């Protein structure tokens, strides 16, 4: 059995933005779905962990976008595991267009949490099942730990976590943090720039009814640093770092 899982996805009208290109959130949904399907096929998916009162969480993610697929394209998504550690699993992704050209690469890290205390648990029982391809790397480096700078940041308006933000693990789905952050980047900027790279650190959970805000700072070279913060205790829930280029440039800046 191959350790590489493959899915094909059609880019429909509800997956794209005002430029008719796949949105970052839709992209993350595709990655998450393929990761879950692969894990389920190997005996450590959502249902398998639920029997043990455990669940998966995405901890860190790094994406490099050479070209964002467009409306009505069909993409091929390949995903596989990398050597796990005691409390951390690693998974890579690569997306290809209809010409078999690699358009997006990604790497990620994951934890398994106990449903009762939400603390990480050992992955020892799954190590023999984890589908590893030791010779292939979509991105060789592990996802980075994002560090905020001392540059001036702007705090956005307060918003409340809604029922539509909550997933089947009863907390905010990881895609929502990215959506919140992207919505804080000015529309005028997004009209004239293209997203080429994004890193996300998921630090703490958020739940229904909590009030949050986002601090945004723009670094040199069109890099945005953003923090999703819970108002009650000022705890950082997620950090997002995104790199953009003007117009339709195809160059990619890796690990800025």
C-alpha atoms as a PDB file:
ATOM      1  CA  UNK A   1       0.000   0.000   0.000  1.00  0.00           C
ATOM      2  CA  UNK A   2       1.329   3.427  -0.952  1.00  0.00           C
ATOM      3  CA  UNK A   3       2.009   5.850   1.878  1.00  0.00           C
ATOM      4  CA  UNK A   4       0.855   8.728  -0.325  1.00  0.00           C
ATOM      5  CA  UNK A   5      -2.846   9.596  -0.259  1.00  0.00           C
ATOM      6  CA  UNK A   6      -4.340  11.250  -3.357  1.00  0.00           C
ATOM      7  CA  UNK A   7      -7.542  13.259  -3.806  1.00  0.00           C
ATOM      8  CA  UNK A   8      -8.858  15.267  -6.748  1.00  0.00           C
ATOM      9  CA  UNK A   9     -10.849  18.419  -6.063  1.00  0.00           C
ATOM     10  CA  UNK A  10     -12.815  20.617  -8.446  1.00  0.00           C
ATOM     11  CA  UNK A  11     -12.572  24.352  -7.770  1.00  0.00           C
ATOM     12  CA  UNK A  12     -16.187  25.500  -7.719  1.00  0.00           C
ATOM     13  CA  UNK A  13     -17.677  28.998  -7.511  1.00  0.00           C
ATOM     14  CA  UNK A  14     -17.958  28.843  -3.703  1.00  0.00           C
ATOM     15  CA  UNK A  15     -14.242  28.026  -3.336  1.00  0.00           C
ATOM     16  CA  UNK A  16     -12.972  31.191  -5.010  1.00  0.00           C
ATOM     17  CA  UNK A  17     -12.561  34.888  -4.219  1.00  0.00           C
ATOM     18  CA  UNK A  18     -13.268  38.103  -6.128  1.00  0.00           C
ATOM     19  CA  UNK A  19     -10.400  37.217  -8.500  1.00  0.00           C
ATOM     20  CA  UNK A  20     -11.926  33.776  -9.202  1.00  0.00           C
ATOM     21  CA  UNK A  21      -9.009  32.126  -7.405  1.00  0.00           C
ATOM     22  CA  UNK A  22      -9.054  29.537  -4.656  1.00  0.00           C
ATOM     23  CA  UNK A  23      -9.296  31.229  -1.266  1.00  0.00           C
ATOM     24  CA  UNK A  24      -6.801  30.398   1.508  1.00  0.00           C
ATOM     25  CA  UNK A  25      -9.649  29.066   3.642  1.00  0.00           C
ATOM     26  CA  UNK A  26     -10.929  26.747   0.884  1.00  0.00           C
ATOM     27  CA  UNK A  27      -7.360  25.540   0.401  1.00  0.00           C
ATOM     28  CA  UNK A  28      -7.056  24.736   4.106  1.00  0.00           C
ATOM     29  CA  UNK A  29     -10.358  22.858   3.966  1.00  0.00           C
ATOM     30  CA  UNK A  30      -8.994  20.666   1.152  1.00  0.00           C
ATOM     31  CA  UNK A  31      -5.805  19.980   3.127  1.00  0.00           C
ATOM     32  CA  UNK A  32      -7.737  19.141   6.280  1.00  0.00           C
ATOM     33  CA  UNK A  33     -10.155  16.839   4.445  1.00  0.00           C
ATOM     34  CA  UNK A  34      -7.373  14.870   2.762  1.00  0.00           C
ATOM     35  CA  UNK A  35      -5.434  14.586   6.027  1.00  0.00           C
ATOM     36  CA  UNK A  36      -8.506  13.225   7.818  1.00  0.00           C
ATOM     37  CA  UNK A  37      -9.312  10.795   5.010  1.00  0.00           C
ATOM     38  CA  UNK A  38      -5.758   9.494   4.966  1.00  0.00           C
ATOM     39  CA  UNK A  39      -5.691   9.053   8.744  1.00  0.00           C
ATOM     40  CA  UNK A  40      -9.079   7.326   8.695  1.00  0.00           C
ATOM     41  CA  UNK A  41      -7.888   4.854   6.050  1.00  0.00           C
ATOM     42  CA  UNK A  42      -4.976   3.893   8.295  1.00  0.00           C
ATOM     43  CA  UNK A  43      -6.891   3.444  11.538  1.00  0.00           C
ATOM     44  CA  UNK A  44      -6.139   6.655  13.404  1.00  0.00           C
ATOM     45  CA  UNK A  45      -8.756   9.031  12.042  1.00  0.00           C
ATOM     46  CA  UNK A  46     -11.443  11.029  13.829  1.00  0.00           C
ATOM     47  CA  UNK A  47     -13.657   8.037  14.665  1.00  0.00           C
ATOM     48  CA  UNK A  48     -10.723   5.906  15.848  1.00  0.00           C
ATOM     49  CA  UNK A  49      -9.519   8.603  18.220  1.00  0.00           C
ATOM     50  CA  UNK A  50     -13.052   9.391  19.435  1.00  0.00           C
ATOM     51  CA  UNK A  51     -13.303   5.831  20.762  1.00  0.00           C
ATOM     52  CA  UNK A  52     -10.331   6.663  22.988  1.00  0.00           C
ATOM     53  CA  UNK A  53     -11.724  10.084  23.955  1.00  0.00           C
ATOM     54  CA  UNK A  54      -9.045  11.816  21.902  1.00  0.00           C
ATOM     55  CA  UNK A  55      -8.952  14.119  18.871  1.00  0.00           C
ATOM     56  CA  UNK A  56      -6.491  15.613  16.388  1.00  0.00           C
ATOM     57  CA  UNK A  57      -5.537  19.300  16.334  1.00  0.00           C
ATOM     58  CA  UNK A  58      -3.454  21.180  13.789  1.00  0.00           C
ATOM     59  CA  UNK A  59      -0.570  22.914  15.580  1.00  0.00           C
ATOM     60  CA  UNK A  60       1.467  24.638  12.849  1.00  0.00           C
ATOM     61  CA  UNK A  61       1.192  25.090   9.099  1.00  0.00           C
ATOM     62  CA  UNK A  62       3.431  26.552   6.388  1.00  0.00           C
ATOM     63  CA  UNK A  63       2.216  27.033   2.807  1.00  0.00           C
ATOM     64  CA  UNK A  64       4.105  28.174  -0.297  1.00  0.00           C
ATOM     65  CA  UNK A  65       1.853  29.225  -3.173  1.00  0.00           C
ATOM     66  CA  UNK A  66       3.476  29.272  -6.599  1.00  0.00           C
ATOM     67  CA  UNK A  67       0.088  29.800  -8.256  1.00  0.00           C
ATOM     68  CA  UNK A  68      -3.362  29.764  -6.715  1.00  0.00           C
ATOM     69  CA  UNK A  69      -5.725  27.478  -8.711  1.00  0.00           C
ATOM     70  CA  UNK A  70      -8.665  29.154 -10.379  1.00  0.00           C
ATOM     71  CA  UNK A  71     -12.384  28.579 -10.753  1.00  0.00           C
ATOM     72  CA  UNK A  72     -13.311  25.384 -12.674  1.00  0.00           C
ATOM     73  CA  UNK A  73      -9.836  23.880 -12.436  1.00  0.00           C
ATOM     74  CA  UNK A  74      -9.394  20.358 -11.056  1.00  0.00           C
ATOM     75  CA  UNK A  75      -6.450  19.908  -8.733  1.00  0.00           C
ATOM     76  CA  UNK A  76      -4.661  16.797  -7.519  1.00  0.00           C
ATOM     77  CA  UNK A  77      -3.738  16.848  -3.843  1.00  0.00           C
ATOM     78  CA  UNK A  78      -1.093  14.439  -2.543  1.00  0.00           C
ATOM     79  CA  UNK A  79      -0.348  14.061   1.170  1.00  0.00           C
ATOM     80  CA  UNK A  80       1.932  11.859   3.247  1.00  0.00           C
ATOM     81  CA  UNK A  81       3.428  11.606   6.705  1.00  0.00           C
ATOM     82  CA  UNK A  82       6.920  12.423   7.882  1.00  0.00           C
ATOM     83  CA  UNK A  83       8.787  10.933  10.829  1.00  0.00           C
ATOM     84  CA  UNK A  84       6.655  11.661  13.928  1.00  0.00           C
ATOM     85  CA  UNK A  85       7.927  12.554  17.373  1.00  0.00           C
ATOM     86  CA  UNK A  86       6.483  11.411  20.697  1.00  0.00           C
ATOM     87  CA  UNK A  87       3.825  14.171  20.878  1.00  0.00           C
ATOM     88  CA  UNK A  88       3.938  15.562  17.326  1.00  0.00           C
ATOM     89  CA  UNK A  89       3.010  14.190  13.905  1.00  0.00           C
ATOM     90  CA  UNK A  90       4.206  15.828  10.698  1.00  0.00           C
ATOM     91  CA  UNK A  91       2.407  15.834   7.361  1.00  0.00           C
ATOM     92  CA  UNK A  92       3.278  17.312   3.966  1.00  0.00           C
ATOM     93  CA  UNK A  93       1.026  18.271   1.063  1.00  0.00           C
ATOM     94  CA  UNK A  94       1.580  19.015  -2.620  1.00  0.00           C
ATOM     95  CA  UNK A  95      -1.027  20.260  -5.097  1.00  0.00           C
ATOM     96  CA  UNK A  96      -0.786  19.816  -8.852  1.00  0.00           C
ATOM     97  CA  UNK A  97      -2.791  21.409 -11.641  1.00  0.00           C
ATOM     98  CA  UNK A  98      -4.163  19.715 -14.751  1.00  0.00           C
ATOM     99  CA  UNK A  99      -0.758  19.978 -16.430  1.00  0.00           C
ATOM    100  CA  UNK A 100       0.841  18.036 -13.542  1.00  0.00           C
ATOM    101  CA  UNK A 101       2.658  21.185 -12.466  1.00  0.00           C
ATOM    102  CA  UNK A 102       3.226  21.639  -8.734  1.00  0.00           C
ATOM    103  CA  UNK A 103       1.377  24.811  -7.710  1.00  0.00           C
ATOM    104  CA  UNK A 104       1.270  24.655  -3.892  1.00  0.00           C
ATOM    105  CA  UNK A 105       3.457  22.956  -1.284  1.00  0.00           C
ATOM    106  CA  UNK A 106       2.775  22.725   2.438  1.00  0.00           C
ATOM    107  CA  UNK A 107       4.061  21.190   5.638  1.00  0.00           C
ATOM    108  CA  UNK A 108       2.249  20.856   8.961  1.00  0.00           C
ATOM    109  CA  UNK A 109       2.493  19.559  12.511  1.00  0.00           C
ATOM    110  CA  UNK A 110      -0.293  17.960  14.546  1.00  0.00           C
ATOM    111  CA  UNK A 111      -1.044  16.849  18.103  1.00  0.00           C
ATOM    112  CA  UNK A 112      -3.524  14.430  19.628  1.00  0.00           C
ATOM    113  CA  UNK A 113      -5.392  15.857  22.625  1.00  0.00           C
ATOM    114  CA  UNK A 114      -7.330  14.204  25.413  1.00  0.00           C
ATOM    115  CA  UNK A 115     -11.020  15.202  25.170  1.00  0.00           C
ATOM    116  CA  UNK A 116     -11.324  15.658  28.935  1.00  0.00           C
ATOM    117  CA  UNK A 117      -8.293  17.769  29.839  1.00  0.00           C
ATOM    118  CA  UNK A 118      -7.234  18.877  26.322  1.00  0.00           C
ATOM    119  CA  UNK A 119      -3.613  17.965  27.021  1.00  0.00           C
ATOM    120  CA  UNK A 120      -1.376  16.304  24.378  1.00  0.00           C
ATOM    121  CA  UNK A 121      -1.115  12.532  24.530  1.00  0.00           C
ATOM    122  CA  UNK A 122       1.554  10.182  23.218  1.00  0.00           C
ATOM    123  CA  UNK A 123       1.312   8.954  19.638  1.00  0.00           C
ATOM    124  CA  UNK A 124       3.143   5.749  20.457  1.00  0.00           C
ATOM    125  CA  UNK A 125       0.142   3.536  19.669  1.00  0.00           C
ATOM    126  CA  UNK A 126      -0.072   4.997  16.128  1.00  0.00           C
ATOM    127  CA  UNK A 127       3.608   5.120  15.222  1.00  0.00           C
ATOM    128  CA  UNK A 128       3.495   1.785  13.404  1.00  0.00           C
ATOM    129  CA  UNK A 129       0.497   2.885  11.333  1.00  0.00           C
ATOM    130  CA  UNK A 130       1.685   6.348  10.367  1.00  0.00           C
ATOM    131  CA  UNK A 131       2.213   6.481   6.562  1.00  0.00           C
ATOM    132  CA  UNK A 132       5.723   7.859   6.146  1.00  0.00           C
ATOM    133  CA  UNK A 133       7.582   8.679   2.944  1.00  0.00           C
ATOM    134  CA  UNK A 134      11.127   9.363   4.237  1.00  0.00           C
ATOM    135  CA  UNK A 135      12.490  10.468   0.877  1.00  0.00           C
ATOM    136  CA  UNK A 136       9.942  13.109  -0.061  1.00  0.00           C
ATOM    137  CA  UNK A 137       9.537  16.621   1.309  1.00  0.00           C
ATOM    138  CA  UNK A 138       7.080  19.209   0.052  1.00  0.00           C
ATOM    139  CA  UNK A 139       8.940  21.627   2.340  1.00  0.00           C
ATOM    140  CA  UNK A 140      11.965  20.176   4.085  1.00  0.00           C
ATOM    141  CA  UNK A 141      11.954  22.465   7.122  1.00  0.00           C
ATOM    142  CA  UNK A 142       9.465  22.010   9.933  1.00  0.00           C
ATOM    143  CA  UNK A 143       6.772  24.697  10.232  1.00  0.00           C
ATOM    144  CA  UNK A 144       8.253  27.790  11.859  1.00  0.00           C
ATOM    145  CA  UNK A 145       7.502  29.250  15.259  1.00  0.00           C
ATOM    146  CA  UNK A 146       6.191  32.724  14.471  1.00  0.00           C
ATOM    147  CA  UNK A 147       7.658  35.582  16.471  1.00  0.00           C
ATOM    148  CA  UNK A 148       5.936  38.940  16.612  1.00  0.00           C
ATOM    149  CA  UNK A 149       8.030  42.036  15.995  1.00  0.00           C
ATOM    150  CA  UNK A 150       8.187  45.284  17.929  1.00  0.00           C
ATOM    151  CA  UNK A 151       6.615  47.200  15.045  1.00  0.00           C
ATOM    152  CA  UNK A 152       3.461  49.156  15.714  1.00  0.00           C
ATOM    153  CA  UNK A 153       0.342  47.016  15.372  1.00  0.00           C
ATOM    154  CA  UNK A 154      -3.258  48.003  14.866  1.00  0.00           C
ATOM    155  CA  UNK A 155      -5.987  46.340  16.894  1.00  0.00           C
ATOM    156  CA  UNK A 156      -9.187  45.518  15.033  1.00  0.00           C
ATOM    157  CA  UNK A 157     -12.739  45.688  16.309  1.00  0.00           C
ATOM    158  CA  UNK A 158     -14.035  43.160  18.795  1.00  0.00           C
ATOM    159  CA  UNK A 159     -15.976  40.235  17.360  1.00  0.00           C
ATOM    160  CA  UNK A 160     -17.769  37.320  18.963  1.00  0.00           C
ATOM    161  CA  UNK A 161     -17.182  33.642  18.178  1.00  0.00           C
ATOM    162  CA  UNK A 162     -20.359  32.436  16.436  1.00  0.00           C
ATOM    163  CA  UNK A 163     -21.960  28.982  16.083  1.00  0.00           C
ATOM    164  CA  UNK A 164     -20.764  28.853  12.461  1.00  0.00           C
ATOM    165  CA  UNK A 165     -17.151  29.036  13.720  1.00  0.00           C
ATOM    166  CA  UNK A 166     -17.445  25.857  15.805  1.00  0.00           C
ATOM    167  CA  UNK A 167     -16.450  22.455  14.405  1.00  0.00           C
ATOM    168  CA  UNK A 168     -17.333  18.923  15.482  1.00  0.00           C
ATOM    169  CA  UNK A 169     -14.661  19.000  18.194  1.00  0.00           C
ATOM    170  CA  UNK A 170     -16.683  21.816  19.826  1.00  0.00           C
ATOM    171  CA  UNK A 171     -14.079  24.541  19.359  1.00  0.00           C
ATOM    172  CA  UNK A 172     -13.188  27.053  16.650  1.00  0.00           C
ATOM    173  CA  UNK A 173     -12.030  25.319  13.475  1.00  0.00           C
ATOM    174  CA  UNK A 174      -8.485  26.197  12.413  1.00  0.00           C
ATOM    175  CA  UNK A 175      -9.703  27.652   9.118  1.00  0.00           C
ATOM    176  CA  UNK A 176     -11.631  30.392  10.929  1.00  0.00           C
ATOM    177  CA  UNK A 177      -8.506  31.963  12.423  1.00  0.00           C
ATOM    178  CA  UNK A 178      -7.065  32.312   8.936  1.00  0.00           C
ATOM    179  CA  UNK A 179     -10.336  33.737   7.613  1.00  0.00           C
ATOM    180  CA  UNK A 180     -10.477  36.301  10.425  1.00  0.00           C
ATOM    181  CA  UNK A 181      -6.876  37.320   9.744  1.00  0.00           C
ATOM    182  CA  UNK A 182      -7.297  37.592   5.975  1.00  0.00           C
ATOM    183  CA  UNK A 183     -10.364  39.790   6.457  1.00  0.00           C
ATOM    184  CA  UNK A 184      -8.229  42.250   8.428  1.00  0.00           C
ATOM    185  CA  UNK A 185      -5.871  42.829   5.471  1.00  0.00           C
ATOM    186  CA  UNK A 186      -7.223  45.834   3.545  1.00  0.00           C
ATOM    187  CA  UNK A 187      -9.259  44.982   0.469  1.00  0.00           C
ATOM    188  CA  UNK A 188      -7.421  47.635  -1.530  1.00  0.00           C
ATOM    189  CA  UNK A 189      -4.133  45.852  -0.778  1.00  0.00           C
ATOM    190  CA  UNK A 190      -5.553  42.453  -1.730  1.00  0.00           C
ATOM    191  CA  UNK A 191      -6.798  43.887  -5.033  1.00  0.00           C
ATOM    192  CA  UNK A 192      -3.250  44.740  -6.094  1.00  0.00           C
ATOM    193  CA  UNK A 193      -1.291  41.934  -4.394  1.00  0.00           C
ATOM    194  CA  UNK A 194      -1.143  38.137  -4.505  1.00  0.00           C
ATOM    195  CA  UNK A 195      -0.647  35.837  -1.510  1.00  0.00           C
ATOM    196  CA  UNK A 196       2.511  33.786  -1.957  1.00  0.00           C
ATOM    197  CA  UNK A 197       3.253  32.348   1.468  1.00  0.00           C
ATOM    198  CA  UNK A 198       1.496  31.864   4.786  1.00  0.00           C
ATOM    199  CA  UNK A 199       2.477  30.383   8.139  1.00  0.00           C
ATOM    200  CA  UNK A 200       0.059  29.754  11.003  1.00  0.00           C
ATOM    201  CA  UNK A 201       0.653  28.798  14.638  1.00  0.00           C
ATOM    202  CA  UNK A 202      -2.411  27.541  16.512  1.00  0.00           C
ATOM    203  CA  UNK A 203      -1.725  28.236  20.180  1.00  0.00           C
ATOM    204  CA  UNK A 204      -4.929  27.972  22.193  1.00  0.00           C
ATOM    205  CA  UNK A 205      -8.560  27.040  21.687  1.00  0.00           C
ATOM    206  CA  UNK A 206     -11.458  29.441  21.389  1.00  0.00           C
ATOM    207  CA  UNK A 207     -15.087  28.650  22.086  1.00  0.00           C
ATOM    208  CA  UNK A 208     -18.570  29.923  21.378  1.00  0.00           C
ATOM    209  CA  UNK A 209     -19.415  33.365  22.761  1.00  0.00           C
ATOM    210  CA  UNK A 210     -15.867  34.495  23.447  1.00  0.00           C
ATOM    211  CA  UNK A 211     -14.889  37.986  22.323  1.00  0.00           C
ATOM    212  CA  UNK A 212     -11.713  38.316  20.269  1.00  0.00           C
ATOM    213  CA  UNK A 213      -9.773  40.899  18.323  1.00  0.00           C
ATOM    214  CA  UNK A 214      -6.881  40.834  15.858  1.00  0.00           C
ATOM    215  CA  UNK A 215      -3.671  42.841  16.034  1.00  0.00           C
ATOM    216  CA  UNK A 216      -2.086  43.456  12.624  1.00  0.00           C
ATOM    217  CA  UNK A 217       1.291  44.892  11.715  1.00  0.00           C
ATOM    218  CA  UNK A 218       2.859  45.231   8.288  1.00  0.00           C
ATOM    219  CA  UNK A 219       6.541  44.428   8.063  1.00  0.00           C
ATOM    220  CA  UNK A 220       8.944  45.237   5.243  1.00  0.00           C
ATOM    221  CA  UNK A 221       8.606  43.430   1.916  1.00  0.00           C
ATOM    222  CA  UNK A 222       4.808  43.091   2.170  1.00  0.00           C
ATOM    223  CA  UNK A 223       4.826  40.757   5.157  1.00  0.00           C
ATOM    224  CA  UNK A 224       1.879  40.892   7.560  1.00  0.00           C
ATOM    225  CA  UNK A 225       2.126  39.628  11.146  1.00  0.00           C
ATOM    226  CA  UNK A 226      -1.193  39.048  12.898  1.00  0.00           C
ATOM    227  CA  UNK A 227      -2.311  37.772  16.283  1.00  0.00           C
ATOM    228  CA  UNK A 228      -5.814  36.580  17.146  1.00  0.00           C
ATOM    229  CA  UNK A 229      -6.329  37.550  20.791  1.00  0.00           C
ATOM    230  CA  UNK A 230      -9.054  36.684  23.308  1.00  0.00           C
ATOM    231  CA  UNK A 231     -10.325  39.813  25.075  1.00  0.00           C
ATOM    232  CA  UNK A 232     -11.045  38.187  28.455  1.00  0.00           C
ATOM    233  CA  UNK A 233      -7.430  37.339  29.277  1.00  0.00           C
ATOM    234  CA  UNK A 234      -5.521  38.852  26.324  1.00  0.00           C
ATOM    235  CA  UNK A 235      -4.297  35.380  25.443  1.00  0.00           C
ATOM    236  CA  UNK A 236      -2.940  34.901  21.929  1.00  0.00           C
ATOM    237  CA  UNK A 237      -4.951  32.150  20.250  1.00  0.00           C
ATOM    238  CA  UNK A 238      -3.252  32.081  16.867  1.00  0.00           C
ATOM    239  CA  UNK A 239      -0.403  33.802  15.009  1.00  0.00           C
ATOM    240  CA  UNK A 240      -0.491  34.295  11.239  1.00  0.00           C
ATOM    241  CA  UNK A 241       2.371  35.435   9.010  1.00  0.00           C
ATOM    242  CA  UNK A 242       1.650  36.124   5.340  1.00  0.00           C
ATOM    243  CA  UNK A 243       3.834  37.266   2.455  1.00  0.00           C
ATOM    244  CA  UNK A 244       2.383  39.003  -0.607  1.00  0.00           C
ATOM    245  CA  UNK A 245       3.729  40.201  -3.953  1.00  0.00           C
ATOM    246  CA  UNK A 246       2.484  43.009  -6.149  1.00  0.00           C
ATOM    247  CA  UNK A 247       0.538  42.175  -9.299  1.00  0.00           C
ATOM    248  CA  UNK A 248       1.010  38.782 -10.936  1.00  0.00           C
ATOM    249  CA  UNK A 249       4.606  38.045 -10.030  1.00  0.00           C
ATOM    250  CA  UNK A 250       5.469  34.330  -9.893  1.00  0.00           C
ATOM    251  CA  UNK A 251       8.474  34.547  -7.597  1.00  0.00           C
ATOM    252  CA  UNK A 252       8.293  32.952  -4.154  1.00  0.00           C
ATOM    253  CA  UNK A 253      10.041  34.038  -0.970  1.00  0.00           C
ATOM    254  CA  UNK A 254      10.565  31.062   1.329  1.00  0.00           C
ATOM    255  CA  UNK A 255      10.903  31.308   5.101  1.00  0.00           C
ATOM    256  CA  UNK A 256      11.213  35.066   5.312  1.00  0.00           C
END
